[in-house]
Amino acid sequence: MRGDVRQDGGWVPDLIPARMLNEFAYCPRLCYIEWVQGEFVDSVDTVDGRFQHRRVDLEAGVVPTDDEIHETFHARSVYLSGPEVGITCRIDLLEGEGKKVTPVDYKRGTAPNVPEGAYEPERVQLCAQGLVLRENGFDCSEGVIYFVTSKQKVSVPFDDLLVRRTRDLIDTLRKVAREGEIPPPLEGSAKCVRCSLAGICLPDEVNFLREMEKEEDEVKTARRLVPSRDDQVPVYVVGHGQMVKKRGDRLEFWLKGDKVGEAKLREVAQLSLYGGVGITTPALADLLQRGVPVCHYSHGGWFYGISQGNTHKNVELRIRQFDRAGDSTKSLKIARSFVSGKIRNSRTLIRRNDPAPPKKVLTSLNRLAREAEVAESAESLLGIEGAAAQIYFSRFNNLLKSGEVSFSFENRNKRPPKDPVNAVLSYLYGVMVKEFFITLLAVGFDPYLGFYHRPRYGRPALALDLMEEFRPLIADSVTITLFNNGELTEKDFICRGLGVSLNQKGKKTVISGYERRMTSEITHPIFGYRVSYRRILEVQARLLARVILGEIQEYPPFCTR
């Protein structure tokens, strides 16, 4: 356990893992995100690296005591700490005779064609292990790096130059951690292409937005360093009385003693349970261990809450989030972007789907979007949003085509919805709250503390904040598509008293339409690359994190053209 001490802006570690010194020499920003902020995502390289280490990670052999120090020994996976040098390490293989020892570090891949035989990050990591061994009374003048693929051994002498460089990096890393300021991203580096944390770091996006803020004449395009979509998919279980069970590497769905479906655990991104659906303890425990969130809904689609494993450790972001939320001026600056983006996207939806949009409506929405960008208070921003919503929904009925079965829309109503269109809108808004809740948790935010929506018991204010600009693009657009394509009929709804709700078949149709939208790819209006809507939600949440951490000044809302 690290005995960290709080000083100035960040946490000062007592001991730095030697592996993190390697990361710091390779990319200071990567080290900061992985170690200080606690972020990590596997890639093909990291998984293969663990596979290549599977033998050396098993403890074997014993480091002799002072009485046995004359013996020759070989010990694997040796843990040692050096409080004076400030390093803790796990040595893959330690070979020795008497007090003279040689640490051996295993690396995947082939030995590089460089004069030193290995790149600086690997040599620095090995040298740090040597300094720890010296502090523990051993004679250590060199180490060995073994490259698994090429089966080559490279000797690394611990000369004065390498020792000095290693100590300088230790001091610099400690200073960076103490100051609590994330190092800037690399610019156009090939290192970012294979980095598993590229989707968290967003190097090109951050640099791109910084150049825009400086009003540079020529702004470079952003590379798409993240996959366009996630191979894992959400699983929705709708229907009272169903039970989710685990069997081997699969989830099974049972109803009244019969298996009605199954899904591979490794392919599940999130599990949503709608009213009256149960889940066994083994299934829930496995999902939590894998970091797969389990979302709980009422029969009507109201988002109750989430079961989430202990998978995120970014305390720094939450501290900054709470500090920023407590500053009304800074909160207002972010809230303006949310509302302005929502109004602009509402205007775009009308332009695309209204057969004859009145010029007055488009002009008014454009004006209100500009007013939102300079609103002087949260109260005036609420008024601007309300006025824009009234204009937008006054034209919503014109976006619905007339067919064999016509569904009309008079105004936005809820709790309960009084017509099928409002029932679908409310249902989709509930699904979207879940989506943003999960995304914000994955990024490291507290979803309950927002900048526009005020904190209230049980309300995920930040999820509602970030959802604003996407309401027209996702929920409203899906609603229009489902009705205009005839995918929803009167048989998909239940009328009870003054309210209208979806039945089980209708819910499945709506969820299917929602997932089609979330997995469809769209060109990002700022960065120019194509990614799915679900991936865009994550990009926007991480851009918000970069604003909170002070890397970029303005939150750029996602506005389609």
Protein backbone atom coordinates (compact mmCIF):
# COMPACT_ATOMS: atom_id res chain seq x y z
CA MET A 1 0.00 0.00 0.00
CA ARG A 2 1.32 3.45 -0.85
CA GLY A 3 1.79 5.81 2.07
CA ASP A 4 0.90 8.94 0.11
CA VAL A 5 1.09 12.43 1.56
CA ARG A 6 -1.05 15.33 0.38
CA GLN A 7 1.06 18.37 -0.57
CA ASP A 8 0.25 21.40 -2.70
CA GLY A 9 -1.87 20.29 -5.66
CA GLY A 10 -1.49 16.51 -5.68
CA TRP A 11 -0.55 13.31 -3.93
CA VAL A 12 3.15 12.75 -3.31
CA PRO A 13 3.95 9.03 -3.31
CA ASP A 14 6.43 7.54 -0.88
CA LEU A 15 7.48 4.95 -3.44
CA ILE A 16 7.28 5.03 -7.23
CA PRO A 17 6.87 1.69 -9.04
CA ALA A 18 9.82 1.12 -11.36
CA ARG A 19 7.36 0.28 -14.16
CA MET A 20 5.85 3.76 -13.84
CA LEU A 21 9.30 5.26 -14.27
CA ASN A 22 9.45 3.37 -17.57
CA GLU A 23 6.08 4.87 -18.57
CA PHE A 24 7.21 8.36 -17.54
CA ALA A 25 10.36 8.16 -19.67
CA TYR A 26 8.24 6.90 -22.59
CA CYS A 27 5.36 9.40 -22.24
CA PRO A 28 4.87 11.56 -19.12
CA ARG A 29 1.16 11.99 -19.87
CA LEU A 30 0.62 8.22 -20.12
CA CYS A 31 2.29 7.74 -16.75
CA TYR A 32 0.17 10.47 -15.13
CA ILE A 33 -3.13 9.08 -16.47
CA GLU A 34 -2.28 5.51 -15.53
CA TRP A 35 -0.67 6.08 -12.13
CA VAL A 36 -1.90 9.36 -10.67
CA GLN A 37 -5.43 9.21 -12.09
CA GLY A 38 -5.73 5.41 -11.91
CA GLU A 39 -6.91 4.91 -15.52
CA PHE A 40 -6.05 1.76 -17.45
CA VAL A 41 -7.41 -0.04 -20.50
CA ASP A 42 -6.06 -3.28 -21.93
CA SER A 43 -4.83 -3.53 -25.50
CA VAL A 44 -3.49 -6.40 -27.60
CA ASP A 45 0.02 -5.40 -26.51
CA THR A 46 -0.73 -5.35 -22.76
CA VAL A 47 -2.59 -8.68 -22.88
CA ASP A 48 0.25 -10.26 -24.86
CA GLY A 49 2.76 -8.76 -22.44
CA ARG A 50 1.06 -10.47 -19.50
CA PHE A 51 1.03 -13.73 -21.45
CA GLN A 52 4.75 -13.47 -22.13
CA HIS A 53 5.31 -12.81 -18.41
CA ARG A 54 3.20 -15.75 -17.23
CA ARG A 55 6.24 -17.79 -16.12
CA VAL A 56 8.33 -15.06 -14.54
CA ASP A 57 5.30 -13.72 -12.65
CA LEU A 58 5.16 -16.96 -10.66
CA GLU A 59 7.31 -16.65 -7.55
CA ALA A 60 10.09 -19.23 -7.51
CA GLY A 61 13.41 -19.52 -5.71
CA VAL A 62 14.50 -17.65 -2.60
CA VAL A 63 16.83 -14.69 -2.16
CA PRO A 64 19.36 -15.92 0.43
CA THR A 65 19.84 -14.34 3.83
CA ASP A 66 23.13 -12.88 5.03
CA ASP A 67 24.14 -16.30 6.40
CA GLU A 68 23.54 -17.90 3.01
CA ILE A 69 24.84 -15.07 0.87
CA HIS A 70 27.73 -17.13 -0.53
CA GLU A 71 25.37 -19.38 -2.44
CA THR A 72 24.44 -19.05 -6.12
CA PHE A 73 20.72 -18.42 -6.53
CA HIS A 74 17.97 -17.73 -9.07
CA ALA A 75 14.74 -16.14 -7.82
CA ARG A 76 11.70 -15.12 -9.87
CA SER A 77 9.19 -12.33 -9.21
CA VAL A 78 11.15 -10.71 -6.38
CA TYR A 79 9.52 -7.75 -4.64
CA LEU A 80 11.86 -5.12 -3.18
CA SER A 81 11.59 -1.49 -2.05
CA GLY A 82 14.14 1.25 -1.66
CA PRO A 83 12.80 4.05 0.58
CA GLU A 84 15.88 6.20 0.09
CA VAL A 85 15.86 6.05 -3.70
CA GLY A 86 12.04 6.17 -3.62
CA ILE A 87 11.36 3.11 -5.79
CA THR A 88 9.44 -0.13 -5.36
CA CYS A 89 9.80 -2.89 -7.92
CA ARG A 90 9.12 -6.46 -8.86
CA ILE A 91 12.18 -8.01 -10.46
CA ASP A 92 11.27 -10.66 -13.05
CA LEU A 93 14.42 -12.71 -12.41
CA LEU A 94 17.24 -12.09 -9.94
CA GLU A 95 20.47 -14.02 -10.47
CA GLY A 96 23.28 -13.83 -7.95
CA GLU A 97 26.38 -15.28 -6.43
CA GLY A 98 27.32 -13.97 -3.07
CA LYS A 99 26.43 -10.28 -2.83
CA LYS A 100 26.86 -9.74 -6.55
CA VAL A 101 23.49 -9.81 -8.30
CA THR A 102 22.04 -9.15 -11.75
CA PRO A 103 18.37 -8.24 -12.31
CA VAL A 104 16.82 -9.64 -15.51
CA ASP A 105 13.80 -7.89 -17.02
CA TYR A 106 11.62 -9.72 -19.58
CA LYS A 107 10.21 -7.67 -22.46
CA ARG A 108 7.90 -8.76 -25.25
CA GLY A 109 8.99 -8.15 -28.84
CA THR A 110 12.43 -8.00 -30.39
CA ALA A 111 15.58 -6.16 -29.40
CA PRO A 112 15.69 -2.74 -31.13
CA ASN A 113 18.50 -1.81 -33.45
CA VAL A 114 19.94 1.00 -31.32
CA PRO A 115 23.53 1.47 -30.04
CA GLU A 116 22.49 0.92 -26.39
CA GLY A 117 20.71 -2.34 -27.27
CA ALA A 118 17.46 -1.17 -25.66
CA TYR A 119 15.39 2.01 -25.53
CA GLU A 120 15.81 4.46 -22.66
CA PRO A 121 12.53 3.65 -20.81
CA GLU A 122 13.54 -0.03 -20.47
CA ARG A 123 17.09 0.86 -19.40
CA VAL A 124 15.82 3.37 -16.83
CA GLN A 125 13.40 0.83 -15.34
CA LEU A 126 16.20 -1.72 -15.02
CA CYS A 127 18.56 0.85 -13.51
CA ALA A 128 15.91 1.76 -10.91
CA GLN A 129 15.81 -1.91 -9.92
CA GLY A 130 19.59 -1.85 -9.61
CA LEU A 131 19.46 1.19 -7.29
CA VAL A 132 16.94 -0.61 -5.08
CA LEU A 133 19.19 -3.67 -4.93
CA ARG A 134 22.15 -1.50 -3.94
CA GLU A 135 20.10 0.09 -1.17
CA ASN A 136 19.28 -3.40 0.09
CA GLY A 137 22.97 -4.30 0.45
CA PHE A 138 23.68 -6.00 -2.86
CA ASP A 139 26.48 -5.32 -5.31
CA CYS A 140 24.75 -4.52 -8.62
CA SER A 141 26.62 -2.93 -11.51
CA GLU A 142 24.53 -4.07 -14.47
CA GLY A 143 21.29 -5.69 -15.52
CA VAL A 144 19.96 -7.74 -18.42
CA ILE A 145 16.92 -7.24 -20.63
CA TYR A 146 15.62 -10.40 -22.27
CA PHE A 147 13.50 -9.88 -25.40
CA VAL A 148 11.09 -12.81 -25.63
CA THR A 149 10.29 -12.76 -29.36
CA SER A 150 13.89 -12.49 -30.61
CA LYS A 151 15.25 -14.49 -27.64
CA GLN A 152 18.06 -11.97 -27.17
CA LYS A 153 19.81 -10.88 -24.01
CA VAL A 154 20.97 -7.26 -23.81
CA SER A 155 23.37 -6.20 -21.05
CA VAL A 156 22.74 -2.77 -19.55
CA PRO A 157 25.64 -1.34 -17.49
CA PHE A 158 24.58 1.01 -14.69
CA ASP A 159 27.09 3.74 -15.50
CA ASP A 160 27.06 7.23 -13.99
CA LEU A 161 25.15 8.72 -16.94
CA LEU A 162 22.27 6.22 -16.70
CA VAL A 163 22.15 6.44 -12.90
CA ARG A 164 21.99 10.25 -13.08
CA ARG A 165 19.23 10.13 -15.71
CA THR A 166 17.25 7.64 -13.60
CA ARG A 167 17.47 9.79 -10.47
CA ASP A 168 16.48 12.91 -12.44
CA LEU A 169 13.38 11.13 -13.77
CA ILE A 170 12.43 10.01 -10.26
CA ASP A 171 12.64 13.60 -9.00
CA THR A 172 10.71 14.95 -11.99
CA LEU A 173 7.94 12.35 -11.67
CA ARG A 174 7.59 13.13 -7.97
CA LYS A 175 7.34 16.85 -8.79
CA VAL A 176 4.67 16.26 -11.45
CA ALA A 177 2.62 14.15 -9.02
CA ARG A 178 2.96 16.80 -6.31
CA GLU A 179 1.84 19.67 -8.55
CA GLY A 180 -1.18 17.71 -9.82
CA GLU A 181 -1.01 19.05 -13.39
CA ILE A 182 -1.28 16.52 -16.18
CA PRO A 183 1.59 16.74 -18.72
CA PRO A 184 0.60 17.94 -22.22
CA PRO A 185 -0.19 15.37 -24.92
CA LEU A 186 2.38 14.36 -27.51
CA GLU A 187 1.93 16.01 -30.90
CA GLY A 188 1.47 13.72 -33.88
CA SER A 189 3.47 10.98 -32.21
CA ALA A 190 3.45 7.43 -33.56
CA LYS A 191 3.44 6.29 -29.92
CA CYS A 192 -0.23 7.27 -29.66
CA VAL A 193 -1.35 4.90 -32.42
CA ARG A 194 -0.85 1.70 -30.39
CA CYS A 195 -1.44 3.23 -26.96
CA SER A 196 -4.36 1.59 -25.13
CA LEU A 197 -5.08 4.88 -23.33
CA ALA A 198 -5.45 6.99 -26.49
CA GLY A 199 -9.22 7.10 -26.04
CA ILE A 200 -8.75 8.47 -22.52
CA CYS A 201 -5.83 10.78 -23.27
CA LEU A 202 -7.36 12.20 -26.50
CA PRO A 203 -3.99 13.63 -27.61
CA ASP A 204 -5.03 14.86 -31.06
CA GLU A 205 -8.39 16.17 -29.86
CA VAL A 206 -6.85 18.18 -27.01
CA ASN A 207 -4.14 19.62 -29.27
CA PHE A 208 -6.74 20.37 -31.96
CA LEU A 209 -8.99 22.30 -29.55
CA ARG A 210 -6.05 24.18 -28.04
CA GLU A 211 -5.01 25.35 -31.49
CA MET A 212 -8.59 26.43 -32.19
CA GLU A 213 -8.65 28.44 -28.94
CA LYS A 214 -5.43 30.17 -30.03
CA GLU A 215 -7.08 30.97 -33.39
CA GLU A 216 -4.21 29.38 -35.30
CA ASP A 217 -4.31 29.97 -39.05
CA GLU A 218 -3.78 26.29 -39.82
CA VAL A 219 -5.29 23.65 -37.54
CA LYS A 220 -4.15 20.07 -38.09
CA THR A 221 -6.77 17.36 -38.39
CA ALA A 222 -7.30 14.88 -35.58
CA ARG A 223 -6.46 11.22 -36.12
CA ARG A 224 -9.04 8.66 -35.06
CA LEU A 225 -7.03 6.82 -32.41
CA VAL A 226 -10.03 5.04 -30.88
CA PRO A 227 -12.11 2.24 -32.45
CA SER A 228 -15.14 3.55 -34.32
CA ARG A 229 -17.42 1.38 -32.22
CA ASP A 230 -17.30 -1.00 -29.27
CA ASP A 231 -17.38 -4.72 -30.00
CA GLN A 232 -19.22 -5.27 -26.71
CA VAL A 233 -22.95 -4.54 -26.80
CA PRO A 234 -25.61 -3.63 -24.23
CA VAL A 235 -28.07 -6.36 -23.25
CA TYR A 236 -31.67 -5.46 -22.36
CA VAL A 237 -33.94 -7.84 -20.45
CA VAL A 238 -37.59 -6.77 -20.63
CA GLY A 239 -40.44 -8.81 -19.19
CA HIS A 240 -41.78 -9.45 -15.71
CA GLY A 241 -40.68 -12.73 -14.14
CA GLN A 242 -37.48 -13.24 -16.14
CA MET A 243 -34.32 -14.35 -14.34
CA VAL A 244 -30.70 -13.79 -15.39
CA LYS A 245 -28.37 -16.66 -14.51
CA LYS A 246 -24.71 -17.50 -15.13
CA ARG A 247 -23.57 -20.75 -16.67
CA GLY A 248 -19.88 -21.02 -17.55
CA ASP A 249 -18.90 -18.02 -19.68
CA ARG A 250 -22.50 -17.14 -20.60
CA LEU A 251 -25.48 -15.32 -19.22
CA GLU A 252 -28.75 -17.20 -19.58
CA PHE A 253 -32.23 -15.68 -19.49
CA TRP A 254 -35.03 -17.82 -18.03
CA LEU A 255 -38.80 -17.38 -17.89
CA LYS A 256 -41.11 -19.80 -16.08
CA GLY A 257 -38.61 -22.64 -16.20
CA ASP A 258 -37.67 -22.17 -19.86
CA LYS A 259 -34.47 -20.64 -21.24
CA VAL A 260 -35.45 -17.81 -23.59
CA GLY A 261 -32.02 -16.47 -24.52
CA GLU A 262 -28.32 -16.21 -23.73
CA ALA A 263 -25.29 -13.95 -24.23
CA LYS A 264 -21.53 -14.43 -23.97
CA LEU A 265 -20.20 -12.60 -20.91
CA ARG A 266 -17.18 -11.21 -22.77
CA GLU A 267 -19.50 -9.56 -25.32
CA VAL A 268 -21.71 -7.76 -22.76
CA ALA A 269 -21.01 -4.03 -22.32
CA GLN A 270 -23.88 -3.37 -19.90
CA LEU A 271 -26.95 -5.20 -18.63
CA SER A 272 -30.29 -3.39 -18.29
CA LEU A 273 -33.10 -5.00 -16.30
CA TYR A 274 -36.61 -3.62 -16.77
CA GLY A 275 -39.14 -4.11 -13.95
CA GLY A 276 -39.57 -7.46 -12.25
CA VAL A 277 -36.43 -9.03 -13.78
CA GLY A 278 -34.21 -10.86 -11.29
CA ILE A 279 -30.53 -11.75 -11.36
CA THR A 280 -28.68 -14.42 -9.40
CA THR A 281 -25.79 -13.57 -7.08
CA PRO A 282 -23.17 -15.51 -9.14
CA ALA A 283 -24.22 -13.66 -12.30
CA LEU A 284 -24.14 -10.26 -10.58
CA ALA A 285 -20.78 -10.95 -8.93
CA ASP A 286 -19.19 -11.99 -12.23
CA LEU A 287 -20.48 -8.88 -14.01
CA LEU A 288 -19.22 -6.58 -11.23
CA GLN A 289 -15.82 -8.25 -11.32
CA ARG A 290 -15.63 -7.67 -15.06
CA GLY A 291 -16.60 -4.02 -14.65
CA VAL A 292 -19.92 -4.52 -16.48
CA PRO A 293 -22.60 -2.19 -15.05
CA VAL A 294 -26.03 -3.62 -14.24
CA CYS A 295 -28.82 -1.03 -14.64
CA HIS A 296 -32.19 -1.29 -12.92
CA TYR A 297 -35.41 0.19 -14.35
CA SER A 298 -39.05 0.35 -13.38
CA HIS A 299 -41.72 -1.26 -15.58
CA GLY A 300 -42.25 2.13 -17.23
CA GLY A 301 -38.57 2.70 -18.00
CA TRP A 302 -37.69 4.96 -15.06
CA PHE A 303 -34.00 4.59 -14.25
CA TYR A 304 -33.72 3.42 -10.61
CA GLY A 305 -29.99 2.94 -10.24
CA ILE A 306 -26.93 0.93 -11.09
CA SER A 307 -24.82 -1.89 -9.69
CA GLN A 308 -21.20 -1.14 -10.47
CA GLY A 309 -17.93 -2.82 -9.50
CA ASN A 310 -15.03 -0.95 -7.93
CA THR A 311 -13.40 -0.25 -11.28
CA HIS A 312 -12.50 3.45 -11.30
CA LYS A 313 -10.02 5.33 -9.14
CA ASN A 314 -9.80 8.83 -10.64
CA VAL A 315 -10.18 10.80 -7.41
CA GLU A 316 -8.40 13.81 -8.92
CA LEU A 317 -11.16 14.42 -11.46
CA ARG A 318 -13.89 14.25 -8.83
CA ILE A 319 -12.05 16.72 -6.60
CA ARG A 320 -11.81 19.17 -9.51
CA GLN A 321 -15.47 18.48 -10.43
CA PHE A 322 -16.65 19.40 -6.93
CA ASP A 323 -14.44 22.51 -6.89
CA ARG A 324 -15.79 23.66 -10.24
CA ALA A 325 -19.42 22.90 -9.37
CA GLY A 326 -19.02 25.10 -6.31
CA ASP A 327 -18.04 28.07 -8.48
CA SER A 328 -21.22 29.50 -10.05
CA THR A 329 -19.29 31.46 -12.70
CA LYS A 330 -17.35 28.43 -13.94
CA SER A 331 -20.45 26.22 -13.79
CA LEU A 332 -22.42 28.72 -15.87
CA LYS A 333 -19.71 28.75 -18.52
CA ILE A 334 -20.09 24.99 -19.04
CA ALA A 335 -23.90 25.08 -18.76
CA ARG A 336 -24.08 27.63 -21.59
CA SER A 337 -22.42 25.13 -23.94
CA PHE A 338 -24.87 22.36 -23.00
CA VAL A 339 -27.94 24.52 -23.66
CA SER A 340 -26.57 26.19 -26.79
CA GLY A 341 -25.71 22.79 -28.26
CA LYS A 342 -29.19 21.47 -27.50
CA ILE A 343 -30.89 24.43 -29.20
CA ARG A 344 -28.68 24.20 -32.30
CA ASN A 345 -29.35 20.48 -32.66
CA SER A 346 -33.08 21.07 -32.21
CA ARG A 347 -32.94 23.60 -35.03
CA THR A 348 -31.07 21.10 -37.22
CA LEU A 349 -33.69 18.40 -36.60
CA ILE A 350 -36.45 20.77 -37.70
CA ARG A 351 -34.53 21.81 -40.82
CA ARG A 352 -34.04 18.14 -41.78
CA ASN A 353 -37.51 16.79 -41.03
CA ASP A 354 -40.03 19.64 -41.19
CA PRO A 355 -41.52 19.81 -44.73
CA ALA A 356 -42.00 23.58 -44.46
CA PRO A 357 -40.11 25.02 -41.48
CA PRO A 358 -41.17 28.65 -40.88
CA LYS A 359 -38.29 31.08 -41.23
CA LYS A 360 -39.37 32.71 -37.97
CA VAL A 361 -38.90 29.42 -36.08
CA LEU A 362 -35.39 28.84 -37.45
CA THR A 363 -34.41 32.46 -36.84
CA SER A 364 -35.72 32.38 -33.28
CA LEU A 365 -33.86 29.18 -32.44
CA ASN A 366 -30.66 30.55 -33.92
CA ARG A 367 -31.04 33.72 -31.85
CA LEU A 368 -31.76 31.78 -28.65
CA ALA A 369 -28.69 29.59 -29.21
CA ARG A 370 -26.53 32.71 -29.41
CA GLU A 371 -28.21 34.17 -26.33
CA ALA A 372 -27.51 30.95 -24.42
CA GLU A 373 -23.79 31.34 -25.15
CA VAL A 374 -23.69 34.68 -23.30
CA ALA A 375 -26.39 34.16 -20.63
CA GLU A 376 -25.44 36.09 -17.48
CA SER A 377 -27.09 33.77 -14.94
CA ALA A 378 -28.41 30.25 -14.51
CA GLU A 379 -31.94 31.66 -14.21
CA SER A 380 -31.76 33.46 -17.55
CA LEU A 381 -30.28 30.32 -19.15
CA LEU A 382 -33.26 28.32 -17.89
CA GLY A 383 -35.57 30.88 -19.44
CA ILE A 384 -33.76 30.70 -22.77
CA GLU A 385 -33.93 26.90 -22.79
CA GLY A 386 -37.63 26.97 -21.93
CA ALA A 387 -38.41 29.40 -24.74
CA ALA A 388 -36.43 27.30 -27.23
CA ALA A 389 -38.19 24.08 -26.12
CA GLN A 390 -41.60 25.69 -26.60
CA ILE A 391 -40.73 26.76 -30.15
CA TYR A 392 -39.14 23.39 -30.97
CA PHE A 393 -42.02 21.24 -29.73
CA SER A 394 -44.55 23.53 -31.42
CA ARG A 395 -43.23 22.10 -34.71
CA PHE A 396 -42.70 18.50 -33.54
CA ASN A 397 -46.05 17.30 -34.89
CA ASN A 398 -44.96 18.46 -38.37
CA LEU A 399 -42.00 16.07 -38.19
CA LEU A 400 -44.38 13.08 -38.02
CA LYS A 401 -45.63 11.77 -41.34
CA SER A 402 -49.28 10.91 -41.91
CA GLY A 403 -49.89 7.26 -42.74
CA GLU A 404 -52.49 4.59 -42.33
CA VAL A 405 -52.28 5.18 -38.59
CA SER A 406 -51.55 8.78 -37.61
CA PHE A 407 -50.05 9.74 -34.27
CA SER A 408 -50.50 13.35 -33.25
CA PHE A 409 -48.40 15.47 -30.93
CA GLU A 410 -49.79 18.61 -29.32
CA ASN A 411 -47.25 19.42 -26.63
CA ARG A 412 -44.59 17.84 -24.47
CA ASN A 413 -46.16 16.17 -21.41
CA LYS A 414 -44.99 13.55 -18.92
CA ARG A 415 -45.70 11.87 -15.58
CA PRO A 416 -47.66 10.27 -17.09
CA PRO A 417 -47.32 10.78 -20.86
CA LYS A 418 -50.76 11.43 -22.34
CA ASP A 419 -50.13 10.16 -25.89
CA PRO A 420 -47.95 7.55 -27.65
CA VAL A 421 -45.38 10.06 -28.94
CA ASN A 422 -44.73 11.46 -25.47
CA ALA A 423 -44.62 7.90 -24.09
CA VAL A 424 -41.80 7.02 -26.49
CA LEU A 425 -39.93 10.26 -25.81
CA SER A 426 -40.10 9.73 -22.05
CA TYR A 427 -39.02 6.10 -22.38
CA LEU A 428 -36.02 7.03 -24.53
CA TYR A 429 -35.01 9.88 -22.23
CA GLY A 430 -34.91 7.31 -19.40
CA VAL A 431 -32.70 5.02 -21.48
CA MET A 432 -30.41 7.94 -22.31
CA VAL A 433 -30.00 8.87 -18.64
CA LYS A 434 -28.68 5.36 -18.07
CA GLU A 435 -26.30 5.68 -21.02
CA PHE A 436 -24.77 8.92 -19.78
CA PHE A 437 -24.70 7.71 -16.19
CA ILE A 438 -22.56 4.73 -17.22
CA THR A 439 -20.34 6.84 -19.48
CA LEU A 440 -19.67 9.41 -16.76
CA LEU A 441 -18.82 6.70 -14.22
CA ALA A 442 -16.39 5.15 -16.71
CA VAL A 443 -14.66 8.51 -17.19
CA GLY A 444 -14.40 9.11 -13.44
CA PHE A 445 -17.11 11.72 -12.78
CA ASP A 446 -19.72 11.76 -10.05
CA PRO A 447 -22.92 11.63 -12.17
CA TYR A 448 -24.98 13.24 -9.40
CA LEU A 449 -23.16 16.59 -9.35
CA GLY A 450 -23.90 18.75 -12.38
CA PHE A 451 -23.16 22.24 -13.66
CA TYR A 452 -26.57 23.09 -15.14
CA HIS A 453 -29.10 20.87 -13.39
CA ARG A 454 -29.05 21.59 -9.69
CA PRO A 455 -28.14 18.78 -7.26
CA ARG A 456 -31.17 17.00 -5.83
CA TYR A 457 -31.44 13.74 -3.96
CA GLY A 458 -31.43 10.83 -6.39
CA ARG A 459 -31.15 12.95 -9.54
CA PRO A 460 -28.10 12.27 -11.78
CA ALA A 461 -27.61 15.96 -12.56
CA LEU A 462 -24.41 15.65 -14.61
CA ALA A 463 -25.90 12.85 -16.73
CA LEU A 464 -28.85 15.16 -17.46
CA ASP A 465 -26.40 17.99 -18.27
CA LEU A 466 -24.40 16.09 -20.85
CA MET A 467 -27.56 14.56 -22.26
CA GLU A 468 -29.02 17.94 -23.28
CA GLU A 469 -27.24 18.36 -26.61
CA PHE A 470 -28.04 14.75 -27.57
CA ARG A 471 -31.79 14.74 -26.86
CA PRO A 472 -32.73 15.92 -30.39
CA LEU A 473 -30.05 13.82 -32.09
CA ILE A 474 -30.83 10.52 -30.39
CA ALA A 475 -34.15 10.25 -28.51
CA ASP A 476 -36.16 12.67 -30.66
CA SER A 477 -34.67 11.37 -33.90
CA VAL A 478 -35.34 7.74 -32.96
CA THR A 479 -38.93 8.62 -32.02
CA ILE A 480 -39.55 10.28 -35.39
CA THR A 481 -38.01 7.35 -37.27
CA LEU A 482 -40.02 4.71 -35.42
CA PHE A 483 -43.34 6.42 -36.08
CA ASN A 484 -42.60 7.54 -39.64
CA ASN A 485 -41.41 4.04 -40.66
CA GLY A 486 -44.47 2.40 -39.17
CA GLU A 487 -42.43 0.35 -36.70
CA LEU A 488 -44.78 1.37 -33.89
CA THR A 489 -48.54 0.83 -34.07
CA GLU A 490 -51.46 1.34 -31.73
CA LYS A 491 -51.01 -2.27 -30.54
CA ASP A 492 -47.67 -1.29 -28.96
CA PHE A 493 -49.30 1.00 -26.37
CA ILE A 494 -51.45 0.63 -23.29
CA CYS A 495 -53.92 3.33 -22.20
CA ARG A 496 -54.49 3.48 -18.46
CA GLY A 497 -56.58 6.33 -17.13
CA LEU A 498 -54.97 9.58 -18.23
CA GLY A 499 -51.65 7.99 -19.16
CA VAL A 500 -50.22 6.04 -22.08
CA SER A 501 -47.34 3.58 -21.83
CA LEU A 502 -45.51 1.07 -24.01
CA ASN A 503 -46.26 -2.62 -23.69
CA GLN A 504 -43.53 -5.27 -23.74
CA LYS A 505 -43.45 -5.57 -27.54
CA GLY A 506 -43.39 -1.79 -27.93
CA LYS A 507 -40.49 -1.46 -25.51
CA LYS A 508 -38.45 -3.99 -27.47
CA THR A 509 -39.16 -2.10 -30.69
CA VAL A 510 -38.07 1.19 -29.13
CA ILE A 511 -34.89 -0.36 -27.67
CA SER A 512 -34.08 -1.87 -31.07
CA GLY A 513 -34.45 1.53 -32.74
CA TYR A 514 -32.34 3.16 -30.04
CA GLU A 515 -29.52 0.65 -30.47
CA ARG A 516 -29.54 1.12 -34.24
CA ARG A 517 -28.99 4.82 -33.64
CA MET A 518 -26.28 4.33 -31.04
CA THR A 519 -24.26 1.95 -33.24
CA SER A 520 -24.63 4.02 -36.42
CA GLU A 521 -21.51 5.96 -37.38
CA ILE A 522 -21.41 9.70 -37.89
CA THR A 523 -18.65 12.15 -38.79
CA HIS A 524 -17.57 14.23 -35.82
CA PRO A 525 -18.24 17.86 -36.81
CA ILE A 526 -15.03 19.13 -35.17
CA PHE A 527 -12.48 16.34 -35.54
CA GLY A 528 -13.63 14.93 -38.86
CA TYR A 529 -13.38 11.22 -38.13
CA ARG A 530 -16.28 8.75 -38.21
CA VAL A 531 -17.34 7.02 -35.00
CA SER A 532 -20.54 5.60 -33.55
CA TYR A 533 -22.89 7.71 -31.44
CA ARG A 534 -22.04 5.60 -28.38
CA ARG A 535 -18.34 6.33 -28.89
CA ILE A 536 -19.11 10.04 -29.35
CA LEU A 537 -20.78 10.13 -25.94
CA GLU A 538 -17.53 8.91 -24.40
CA VAL A 539 -15.44 11.41 -26.38
CA GLN A 540 -17.67 14.28 -25.21
CA ALA A 541 -17.52 13.13 -21.59
CA ARG A 542 -13.73 12.96 -21.76
CA LEU A 543 -13.57 16.41 -23.36
CA LEU A 544 -15.62 17.68 -20.42
CA ALA A 545 -13.04 16.08 -18.13
CA ARG A 546 -10.28 17.95 -19.99
CA VAL A 547 -12.16 21.19 -19.35
CA ILE A 548 -12.51 20.38 -15.64
CA LEU A 549 -8.80 19.55 -15.42
CA GLY A 550 -7.92 22.85 -17.11
CA GLU A 551 -6.42 21.46 -20.33
CA ILE A 552 -8.91 23.19 -22.61
CA GLN A 553 -10.90 26.32 -21.80
CA GLU A 554 -14.27 25.75 -23.50
CA TYR A 555 -16.44 22.66 -23.64
CA PRO A 556 -17.24 22.04 -27.35
CA PRO A 557 -20.84 20.77 -27.65
CA PHE A 558 -21.53 18.14 -30.28
CA CYS A 559 -23.57 19.91 -32.98
CA THR A 560 -24.37 18.21 -36.27
CA ARG A 561 -24.23 20.31 -39.39
